[in-house]
């Protein structure tokens, strides 16, 4: 059962996109909660939540692509 190297690299790229988002997203959310008196509070909070959802999405796509490259 050979591994599809091109598909494996694509999955690793998705995981590489997710890794910084896992650290930046919660930091942005923390920053939004620390600066509640700022007018940009809700926008920064929405950006942080979007980054966290993006991290989960990219990690799911990456893991499913890696598994697909090894099983097909």
Protein backbone atom coordinates (compact mmCIF):
# COMPACT_ATOMS: atom_id res chain seq x y z
CA UNK A 1 0.00 0.00 0.00
CA UNK A 2 2.08 2.97 -1.22
CA UNK A 3 1.64 6.48 0.12
CA UNK A 4 0.58 9.23 -2.29
CA UNK A 5 3.38 11.76 -1.67
CA UNK A 6 1.65 14.68 -3.39
CA UNK A 7 -1.50 14.27 -1.31
CA UNK A 8 0.60 13.80 1.83
CA UNK A 9 2.44 17.08 1.17
CA UNK A 10 -0.90 18.83 0.67
CA UNK A 11 -2.08 17.55 4.05
CA UNK A 12 1.13 18.67 5.73
CA UNK A 13 0.65 22.14 4.21
CA UNK A 14 -2.85 22.32 5.72
CA UNK A 15 -1.39 21.35 9.09
CA UNK A 16 1.30 24.01 8.68
CA UNK A 17 -1.41 26.62 8.07
CA UNK A 18 -3.27 25.49 11.20
CA UNK A 19 -0.29 25.55 13.57
CA UNK A 20 0.21 29.33 13.83
CA UNK A 21 -3.54 29.89 13.99
CA UNK A 22 -3.72 27.67 17.09
CA UNK A 23 -1.43 30.14 18.88
CA UNK A 24 -2.45 33.47 17.33
CA UNK A 25 -6.24 32.97 17.66
CA UNK A 26 -6.38 32.60 21.47
CA UNK A 27 -3.88 35.44 21.86
CA UNK A 28 -6.11 37.74 19.83
CA UNK A 29 -9.16 36.68 21.87
CA UNK A 30 -7.26 37.34 25.11
CA UNK A 31 -6.24 40.76 23.78
CA UNK A 32 -9.86 41.55 22.92
CA UNK A 33 -11.03 40.71 26.45
CA UNK A 34 -8.25 42.78 28.01
CA UNK A 35 -9.16 45.90 25.97
CA UNK A 36 -12.91 46.11 26.56
CA UNK A 37 -12.84 49.91 26.69
CA UNK A 38 -11.57 50.05 23.11
CA UNK A 39 -14.08 50.67 20.32
CA UNK A 40 -12.58 47.82 18.27
CA UNK A 41 -13.31 45.22 20.96
CA UNK A 42 -15.98 43.27 19.08
CA UNK A 43 -14.11 43.35 15.78
CA UNK A 44 -10.92 42.02 17.38
CA UNK A 45 -12.94 39.35 19.20
CA UNK A 46 -14.58 38.28 15.93
CA UNK A 47 -11.19 38.09 14.22
CA UNK A 48 -9.83 35.92 17.04
CA UNK A 49 -12.81 33.57 16.95
CA UNK A 50 -12.50 33.32 13.17
CA UNK A 51 -8.81 32.43 13.55
CA UNK A 52 -9.67 29.67 16.03
CA UNK A 53 -12.32 28.24 13.72
CA UNK A 54 -9.82 28.46 10.85
CA UNK A 55 -7.28 26.50 12.88
CA UNK A 56 -9.79 23.74 13.56
CA UNK A 57 -10.86 23.70 9.91
CA UNK A 58 -7.30 23.52 8.55
CA UNK A 59 -6.31 20.82 11.02
CA UNK A 60 -9.37 18.74 10.09
CA UNK A 61 -8.64 19.14 6.39
CA UNK A 62 -4.98 18.34 6.95
CA UNK A 63 -5.61 15.22 8.99
CA UNK A 64 -8.26 13.92 6.62
CA UNK A 65 -5.96 14.55 3.64
CA UNK A 66 -3.05 12.77 5.34
CA UNK A 67 -5.22 9.78 6.19
CA UNK A 68 -6.59 9.73 2.65
CA UNK A 69 -3.07 9.75 1.22
CA UNK A 70 -2.12 6.72 3.29
CA UNK A 71 -5.25 4.62 2.77
CA UNK A 72 -6.13 5.09 -0.90
